[in-house]
Amino acid sequence: MSLRPGITFLADCPALLAMEIIASKWSMVTLFALTDGPLRHGELVELSGGISRKVLTQTLRRLQANGLVERHAYAEAPPRVEYGLTDLGRTLEEPIRMLTAWARENGEAVVTFREAAEATQNHPGGPGAPRVKTPPVDENPTRL
């Protein structure tokens, strides 16, 4: 596999397909949550910390359409539905664990970098420069 631009990431490249499928933060969170076994919709909402039921449903449908998650509806009263990883979905367990480990190890460095970059952007002379107040822009300059 080549790392030259235009070769590795062609429009029909398998790497782009993989990134398209799992690039959503909710896809990654949902797949990670399912690594320990099947879960119900409500359990996934609780574990995902912040996902709405609607977005979770959309995420699960997208993952199902790509063959990574399967839906099991049980003929019980009341009805019970669980979601689990397919065999194909299980192949993502190790890459997701590696990304999670990377985030744990490097998350603080990323936050520090972001904060420093933000400070530089907010202060024209850099992080140590004095703040310069810019006058407000008159949006109606013809007004007297």
N, C-alpha and C. Protein backbone atom coordinates (compact mmCIF):
# COMPACT_ATOMS: atom_id res chain seq x y z
N MET A 1 0.85 -1.17 0.00
CA MET A 1 0.00 0.00 0.00
C MET A 1 0.89 1.23 0.00
N SER A 2 0.57 2.19 -0.83
CA SER A 2 1.35 3.41 -0.96
C SER A 2 0.79 4.50 -0.07
N LEU A 3 1.65 5.38 0.41
CA LEU A 3 1.19 6.51 1.21
C LEU A 3 1.19 7.80 0.41
N ARG A 4 1.42 7.70 -0.88
CA ARG A 4 1.40 8.90 -1.72
C ARG A 4 -0.02 9.41 -1.85
N PRO A 5 -0.22 10.75 -1.75
CA PRO A 5 -1.56 11.30 -1.93
C PRO A 5 -2.12 10.90 -3.29
N GLY A 6 -3.39 10.63 -3.33
CA GLY A 6 -4.02 10.26 -4.58
C GLY A 6 -3.99 8.78 -4.86
N ILE A 7 -3.16 8.04 -4.13
CA ILE A 7 -3.09 6.60 -4.33
C ILE A 7 -3.85 5.88 -3.21
N THR A 8 -3.48 6.16 -1.97
CA THR A 8 -4.09 5.48 -0.84
C THR A 8 -5.54 5.87 -0.66
N PHE A 9 -5.85 7.14 -0.80
CA PHE A 9 -7.19 7.62 -0.49
C PHE A 9 -7.98 8.00 -1.73
N LEU A 10 -8.03 7.10 -2.69
CA LEU A 10 -8.87 7.29 -3.85
C LEU A 10 -10.33 7.21 -3.41
N ALA A 11 -11.22 7.74 -4.22
CA ALA A 11 -12.64 7.78 -3.85
C ALA A 11 -13.20 6.40 -3.52
N ASP A 12 -12.72 5.37 -4.17
CA ASP A 12 -13.24 4.03 -3.91
C ASP A 12 -12.32 3.21 -3.00
N CYS A 13 -11.47 3.89 -2.27
CA CYS A 13 -10.49 3.23 -1.40
C CYS A 13 -11.17 2.59 -0.19
N PRO A 14 -10.79 1.38 0.18
CA PRO A 14 -11.36 0.73 1.37
C PRO A 14 -11.13 1.52 2.65
N ALA A 15 -10.00 2.23 2.75
CA ALA A 15 -9.74 3.02 3.97
C ALA A 15 -10.77 4.13 4.11
N LEU A 16 -11.14 4.77 3.01
CA LEU A 16 -12.17 5.82 3.06
C LEU A 16 -13.52 5.23 3.46
N LEU A 17 -13.82 4.06 2.95
CA LEU A 17 -15.07 3.39 3.31
C LEU A 17 -15.11 3.15 4.82
N ALA A 18 -14.03 2.62 5.35
CA ALA A 18 -13.97 2.35 6.79
C ALA A 18 -14.12 3.63 7.60
N MET A 19 -13.43 4.68 7.18
CA MET A 19 -13.52 5.95 7.91
C MET A 19 -14.92 6.54 7.83
N GLU A 20 -15.55 6.41 6.68
CA GLU A 20 -16.91 6.92 6.52
C GLU A 20 -17.87 6.22 7.47
N ILE A 21 -17.70 4.93 7.64
CA ILE A 21 -18.60 4.15 8.49
C ILE A 21 -18.42 4.48 9.97
N ILE A 22 -17.18 4.60 10.42
CA ILE A 22 -16.93 4.75 11.86
C ILE A 22 -16.52 6.15 12.28
N ALA A 23 -16.49 7.11 11.35
CA ALA A 23 -16.00 8.44 11.67
C ALA A 23 -16.90 9.20 12.65
N SER A 24 -18.15 8.90 12.67
CA SER A 24 -19.06 9.56 13.59
C SER A 24 -18.71 9.17 15.03
N LYS A 25 -18.67 10.17 15.91
CA LYS A 25 -18.34 9.83 17.29
C LYS A 25 -19.36 8.87 17.89
N TRP A 26 -20.62 8.99 17.45
CA TRP A 26 -21.63 8.10 18.02
C TRP A 26 -21.49 6.69 17.49
N SER A 27 -20.99 6.53 16.28
CA SER A 27 -20.73 5.18 15.77
C SER A 27 -19.65 4.51 16.62
N MET A 28 -18.59 5.23 16.88
CA MET A 28 -17.50 4.68 17.69
C MET A 28 -17.98 4.35 19.10
N VAL A 29 -18.72 5.26 19.70
CA VAL A 29 -19.22 5.05 21.06
C VAL A 29 -20.16 3.84 21.10
N THR A 30 -21.03 3.74 20.11
CA THR A 30 -21.99 2.64 20.07
C THR A 30 -21.27 1.31 19.87
N LEU A 31 -20.34 1.27 18.93
CA LEU A 31 -19.58 0.03 18.70
C LEU A 31 -18.80 -0.36 19.96
N PHE A 32 -18.19 0.62 20.61
CA PHE A 32 -17.43 0.35 21.82
C PHE A 32 -18.35 -0.20 22.92
N ALA A 33 -19.53 0.39 23.05
CA ALA A 33 -20.48 -0.05 24.08
C ALA A 33 -20.91 -1.50 23.84
N LEU A 34 -20.98 -1.90 22.59
CA LEU A 34 -21.44 -3.25 22.28
C LEU A 34 -20.34 -4.31 22.35
N THR A 35 -19.11 -3.92 22.64
CA THR A 35 -18.02 -4.91 22.68
C THR A 35 -18.18 -5.91 23.82
N ASP A 36 -18.91 -5.55 24.87
CA ASP A 36 -19.11 -6.47 25.99
C ASP A 36 -20.35 -7.35 25.84
N GLY A 37 -21.06 -7.21 24.73
CA GLY A 37 -22.23 -8.05 24.49
C GLY A 37 -23.44 -7.22 24.12
N PRO A 38 -24.52 -7.90 23.74
CA PRO A 38 -25.74 -7.22 23.30
C PRO A 38 -26.34 -6.33 24.39
N LEU A 39 -26.94 -5.24 23.94
CA LEU A 39 -27.58 -4.29 24.85
C LEU A 39 -28.90 -3.82 24.26
N ARG A 40 -29.78 -3.39 25.14
CA ARG A 40 -31.05 -2.80 24.71
C ARG A 40 -30.83 -1.32 24.40
N HIS A 41 -31.78 -0.75 23.69
CA HIS A 41 -31.70 0.65 23.27
C HIS A 41 -31.47 1.58 24.46
N GLY A 42 -32.26 1.43 25.51
CA GLY A 42 -32.13 2.27 26.70
C GLY A 42 -30.78 2.14 27.38
N GLU A 43 -30.25 0.93 27.40
CA GLU A 43 -28.93 0.70 27.99
C GLU A 43 -27.85 1.42 27.18
N LEU A 44 -28.00 1.40 25.86
CA LEU A 44 -27.04 2.11 24.99
C LEU A 44 -27.11 3.62 25.22
N VAL A 45 -28.32 4.14 25.40
CA VAL A 45 -28.47 5.57 25.68
C VAL A 45 -27.73 5.93 26.96
N GLU A 46 -27.92 5.13 28.01
CA GLU A 46 -27.27 5.38 29.30
C GLU A 46 -25.75 5.30 29.19
N LEU A 47 -25.25 4.28 28.50
CA LEU A 47 -23.80 4.09 28.38
C LEU A 47 -23.14 5.15 27.50
N SER A 48 -23.90 5.68 26.56
CA SER A 48 -23.32 6.60 25.58
C SER A 48 -23.16 8.02 26.10
N GLY A 49 -23.75 8.35 27.20
CA GLY A 49 -23.56 9.65 27.82
C GLY A 49 -23.77 10.85 26.91
N GLY A 50 -25.01 11.13 26.58
CA GLY A 50 -25.29 12.33 25.83
C GLY A 50 -25.97 12.13 24.50
N ILE A 51 -26.07 10.92 24.04
CA ILE A 51 -26.72 10.68 22.75
C ILE A 51 -28.23 10.69 22.96
N SER A 52 -28.93 11.29 22.02
CA SER A 52 -30.39 11.28 22.09
C SER A 52 -30.88 9.95 21.54
N ARG A 53 -32.10 9.59 21.90
CA ARG A 53 -32.67 8.34 21.41
C ARG A 53 -32.77 8.34 19.88
N LYS A 54 -33.13 9.49 19.32
CA LYS A 54 -33.26 9.61 17.87
C LYS A 54 -31.92 9.40 17.17
N VAL A 55 -30.86 10.04 17.67
CA VAL A 55 -29.54 9.90 17.06
C VAL A 55 -29.02 8.48 17.24
N LEU A 56 -29.29 7.87 18.39
CA LEU A 56 -28.87 6.48 18.58
C LEU A 56 -29.58 5.56 17.58
N THR A 57 -30.87 5.77 17.37
CA THR A 57 -31.61 4.96 16.40
C THR A 57 -31.01 5.12 15.01
N GLN A 58 -30.70 6.36 14.62
CA GLN A 58 -30.08 6.60 13.31
C GLN A 58 -28.72 5.92 13.21
N THR A 59 -27.95 6.01 14.29
CA THR A 59 -26.61 5.40 14.31
C THR A 59 -26.72 3.88 14.20
N LEU A 60 -27.62 3.28 14.96
CA LEU A 60 -27.79 1.84 14.91
C LEU A 60 -28.24 1.39 13.52
N ARG A 61 -29.12 2.13 12.90
CA ARG A 61 -29.59 1.78 11.55
C ARG A 61 -28.44 1.84 10.54
N ARG A 62 -27.61 2.89 10.67
CA ARG A 62 -26.46 3.03 9.76
C ARG A 62 -25.47 1.89 9.97
N LEU A 63 -25.22 1.52 11.22
CA LEU A 63 -24.30 0.42 11.51
C LEU A 63 -24.88 -0.92 11.05
N GLN A 64 -26.20 -1.08 11.16
CA GLN A 64 -26.85 -2.28 10.65
C GLN A 64 -26.73 -2.35 9.13
N ALA A 65 -26.96 -1.22 8.47
CA ALA A 65 -26.91 -1.18 7.01
C ALA A 65 -25.52 -1.52 6.48
N ASN A 66 -24.50 -1.33 7.32
CA ASN A 66 -23.12 -1.65 6.93
C ASN A 66 -22.67 -3.00 7.46
N GLY A 67 -23.58 -3.73 8.08
CA GLY A 67 -23.28 -5.09 8.51
C GLY A 67 -22.47 -5.21 9.79
N LEU A 68 -22.41 -4.13 10.58
CA LEU A 68 -21.60 -4.16 11.80
C LEU A 68 -22.41 -4.48 13.05
N VAL A 69 -23.69 -4.18 13.01
CA VAL A 69 -24.57 -4.39 14.17
C VAL A 69 -25.80 -5.16 13.71
N GLU A 70 -26.27 -6.05 14.58
CA GLU A 70 -27.51 -6.76 14.28
C GLU A 70 -28.54 -6.48 15.36
N ARG A 71 -29.79 -6.50 14.95
CA ARG A 71 -30.92 -6.23 15.84
C ARG A 71 -31.65 -7.54 16.08
N HIS A 72 -31.87 -7.85 17.34
CA HIS A 72 -32.60 -9.07 17.71
C HIS A 72 -33.89 -8.66 18.41
N ALA A 73 -35.02 -8.97 17.78
CA ALA A 73 -36.33 -8.70 18.40
C ALA A 73 -36.85 -10.02 18.95
N TYR A 74 -37.19 -10.03 20.22
CA TYR A 74 -37.69 -11.23 20.88
C TYR A 74 -39.20 -11.17 20.97
N ALA A 75 -39.85 -12.29 20.67
CA ALA A 75 -41.31 -12.37 20.71
C ALA A 75 -41.75 -12.59 22.16
N GLU A 76 -41.72 -11.51 22.91
CA GLU A 76 -42.10 -11.55 24.33
C GLU A 76 -43.09 -10.42 24.59
N ALA A 77 -43.74 -10.51 25.72
CA ALA A 77 -44.61 -9.41 26.14
C ALA A 77 -44.06 -8.91 27.47
N PRO A 78 -43.64 -7.69 27.58
CA PRO A 78 -43.52 -6.69 26.52
C PRO A 78 -42.37 -7.04 25.57
N PRO A 79 -42.43 -6.50 24.35
CA PRO A 79 -41.39 -6.81 23.37
C PRO A 79 -40.01 -6.37 23.85
N ARG A 80 -39.02 -7.16 23.48
CA ARG A 80 -37.63 -6.84 23.87
C ARG A 80 -36.77 -6.86 22.62
N VAL A 81 -35.95 -5.82 22.48
CA VAL A 81 -35.05 -5.71 21.33
C VAL A 81 -33.65 -5.47 21.87
N GLU A 82 -32.70 -6.22 21.35
CA GLU A 82 -31.29 -6.04 21.71
C GLU A 82 -30.47 -5.84 20.45
N TYR A 83 -29.36 -5.12 20.64
CA TYR A 83 -28.42 -4.88 19.55
C TYR A 83 -27.09 -5.49 19.94
N GLY A 84 -26.44 -6.12 18.97
CA GLY A 84 -25.14 -6.71 19.21
C GLY A 84 -24.26 -6.57 17.99
N LEU A 85 -22.99 -6.81 18.18
CA LEU A 85 -22.06 -6.76 17.06
C LEU A 85 -22.18 -8.02 16.22
N THR A 86 -22.07 -7.86 14.93
CA THR A 86 -21.99 -9.01 14.02
C THR A 86 -20.54 -9.50 14.04
N ASP A 87 -20.27 -10.58 13.35
CA ASP A 87 -18.89 -11.05 13.24
C ASP A 87 -18.02 -9.97 12.60
N LEU A 88 -18.58 -9.30 11.59
CA LEU A 88 -17.84 -8.20 10.95
C LEU A 88 -17.62 -7.05 11.93
N GLY A 89 -18.62 -6.73 12.72
CA GLY A 89 -18.48 -5.68 13.73
C GLY A 89 -17.42 -6.01 14.76
N ARG A 90 -17.32 -7.28 15.12
CA ARG A 90 -16.31 -7.71 16.10
C ARG A 90 -14.89 -7.49 15.60
N THR A 91 -14.72 -7.44 14.27
CA THR A 91 -13.37 -7.20 13.74
C THR A 91 -12.90 -5.79 14.05
N LEU A 92 -13.81 -4.92 14.47
CA LEU A 92 -13.43 -3.54 14.83
C LEU A 92 -13.08 -3.39 16.32
N GLU A 93 -13.27 -4.44 17.10
CA GLU A 93 -13.00 -4.34 18.54
C GLU A 93 -11.57 -3.89 18.82
N GLU A 94 -10.60 -4.53 18.22
CA GLU A 94 -9.20 -4.19 18.49
C GLU A 94 -8.85 -2.78 18.01
N PRO A 95 -9.21 -2.39 16.78
CA PRO A 95 -8.92 -1.00 16.37
C PRO A 95 -9.58 0.03 17.30
N ILE A 96 -10.81 -0.25 17.75
CA ILE A 96 -11.49 0.70 18.66
C ILE A 96 -10.77 0.75 19.99
N ARG A 97 -10.33 -0.41 20.49
CA ARG A 97 -9.56 -0.43 21.76
C ARG A 97 -8.27 0.37 21.60
N MET A 98 -7.62 0.23 20.44
CA MET A 98 -6.37 0.96 20.20
C MET A 98 -6.62 2.47 20.16
N LEU A 99 -7.69 2.89 19.49
CA LEU A 99 -8.03 4.32 19.44
C LEU A 99 -8.39 4.84 20.82
N THR A 100 -9.09 4.03 21.60
CA THR A 100 -9.46 4.42 22.95
C THR A 100 -8.21 4.57 23.82
N ALA A 101 -7.28 3.64 23.70
CA ALA A 101 -6.02 3.72 24.45
C ALA A 101 -5.24 4.96 24.03
N TRP A 102 -5.21 5.24 22.72
CA TRP A 102 -4.51 6.43 22.24
C TRP A 102 -5.13 7.68 22.85
N ALA A 103 -6.46 7.74 22.88
CA ALA A 103 -7.15 8.91 23.43
C ALA A 103 -6.85 9.08 24.92
N ARG A 104 -6.82 7.97 25.65
CA ARG A 104 -6.51 8.05 27.09
C ARG A 104 -5.07 8.55 27.30
N GLU A 105 -4.15 8.06 26.48
CA GLU A 105 -2.74 8.42 26.63
C GLU A 105 -2.44 9.83 26.13
N ASN A 106 -3.16 10.29 25.11
CA ASN A 106 -2.81 11.55 24.47
C ASN A 106 -3.88 12.63 24.56
N GLY A 107 -5.01 12.32 25.16
CA GLY A 107 -6.11 13.28 25.24
C GLY A 107 -5.72 14.58 25.92
N GLU A 108 -4.96 14.48 27.00
CA GLU A 108 -4.55 15.68 27.73
C GLU A 108 -3.62 16.55 26.87
N ALA A 109 -2.75 15.93 26.12
CA ALA A 109 -1.85 16.67 25.23
C ALA A 109 -2.64 17.40 24.14
N VAL A 110 -3.68 16.75 23.62
CA VAL A 110 -4.52 17.39 22.60
C VAL A 110 -5.24 18.59 23.19
N VAL A 111 -5.80 18.44 24.38
CA VAL A 111 -6.50 19.55 25.04
C VAL A 111 -5.53 20.69 25.29
N THR A 112 -4.33 20.40 25.77
CA THR A 112 -3.32 21.44 26.02
C THR A 112 -2.98 22.16 24.73
N PHE A 113 -2.79 21.43 23.66
CA PHE A 113 -2.48 22.04 22.36
C PHE A 113 -3.63 22.93 21.90
N ARG A 114 -4.86 22.45 22.01
CA ARG A 114 -6.02 23.24 21.61
C ARG A 114 -6.10 24.54 22.39
N GLU A 115 -5.91 24.44 23.70
CA GLU A 115 -5.98 25.64 24.55
C GLU A 115 -4.89 26.63 24.18
N ALA A 116 -3.69 26.15 23.90
CA ALA A 116 -2.59 27.04 23.50
C ALA A 116 -2.89 27.68 22.15
N ALA A 117 -3.42 26.91 21.21
CA ALA A 117 -3.76 27.45 19.90
C ALA A 117 -4.87 28.48 20.01
N GLU A 118 -5.85 28.21 20.85
CA GLU A 118 -6.95 29.13 21.07
C GLU A 118 -6.45 30.42 21.69
N ALA A 119 -5.55 30.31 22.65
CA ALA A 119 -4.99 31.50 23.29
C ALA A 119 -4.21 32.33 22.28
N THR A 120 -3.50 31.68 21.39
CA THR A 120 -2.75 32.38 20.35
C THR A 120 -3.69 33.09 19.39
N GLN A 121 -4.77 32.46 19.03
CA GLN A 121 -5.74 33.07 18.12
C GLN A 121 -6.45 34.24 18.76
N ASN A 122 -6.71 34.16 20.05
CA ASN A 122 -7.42 35.23 20.74
C ASN A 122 -6.53 36.40 21.11
N HIS A 123 -5.23 36.23 21.03
CA HIS A 123 -4.28 37.28 21.35
C HIS A 123 -3.36 37.46 20.16
N PRO A 124 -3.55 38.55 19.36
CA PRO A 124 -2.79 38.73 18.13
C PRO A 124 -1.29 38.60 18.28
N GLY A 125 -0.71 39.00 19.38
CA GLY A 125 0.73 38.93 19.53
C GLY A 125 1.21 37.61 20.10
N GLY A 126 0.32 36.69 20.33
CA GLY A 126 0.69 35.41 20.91
C GLY A 126 0.14 35.27 22.31
N PRO A 127 0.40 34.16 22.96
CA PRO A 127 -0.18 33.92 24.27
C PRO A 127 0.28 34.90 25.34
N GLY A 128 1.48 35.42 25.23
CA GLY A 128 1.98 36.33 26.26
C GLY A 128 1.74 37.80 25.95
N ALA A 129 1.21 38.09 24.79
CA ALA A 129 1.03 39.49 24.37
C ALA A 129 -0.17 40.12 25.08
N PRO A 130 -0.09 41.44 25.28
CA PRO A 130 -1.23 42.10 25.91
C PRO A 130 -2.44 42.07 24.99
N ARG A 131 -3.60 42.03 25.58
CA ARG A 131 -4.83 42.04 24.78
C ARG A 131 -5.05 43.42 24.18
N VAL A 132 -5.42 43.41 22.94
CA VAL A 132 -5.72 44.66 22.24
C VAL A 132 -7.20 44.69 21.99
N LYS A 133 -7.85 45.73 22.48
CA LYS A 133 -9.28 45.85 22.28
C LYS A 133 -9.53 46.50 20.94
N THR A 134 -10.35 45.88 20.13
CA THR A 134 -10.67 46.48 18.84
C THR A 134 -11.98 47.23 18.97
N PRO A 135 -12.06 48.41 18.32
CA PRO A 135 -13.30 49.18 18.43
C PRO A 135 -14.43 48.45 17.73
N PRO A 136 -15.67 48.65 18.18
CA PRO A 136 -16.79 47.99 17.53
C PRO A 136 -16.96 48.50 16.11
N VAL A 137 -17.43 47.63 15.25
CA VAL A 137 -17.65 48.00 13.86
C VAL A 137 -19.03 48.62 13.74
N ASP A 138 -19.07 49.80 13.11
CA ASP A 138 -20.34 50.46 12.88
C ASP A 138 -20.95 49.83 11.64
N GLU A 139 -22.03 49.09 11.83
CA GLU A 139 -22.62 48.40 10.70
C GLU A 139 -23.44 49.32 9.80
N ASN A 140 -23.70 50.54 10.24
CA ASN A 140 -24.46 51.50 9.44
C ASN A 140 -23.65 52.80 9.39
N PRO A 141 -22.58 52.86 8.60
CA PRO A 141 -21.68 54.01 8.63
C PRO A 141 -22.31 55.30 8.10
N THR A 142 -23.43 55.24 7.43
CA THR A 142 -24.06 56.47 6.91
C THR A 142 -24.88 57.17 7.97
N ARG A 143 -25.13 56.54 9.07
CA ARG A 143 -25.90 57.14 10.15
C ARG A 143 -25.08 58.22 10.85
N LEU A 144 -25.69 59.33 11.15
CA LEU A 144 -25.00 60.43 11.83
C LEU A 144 -25.22 60.40 13.30
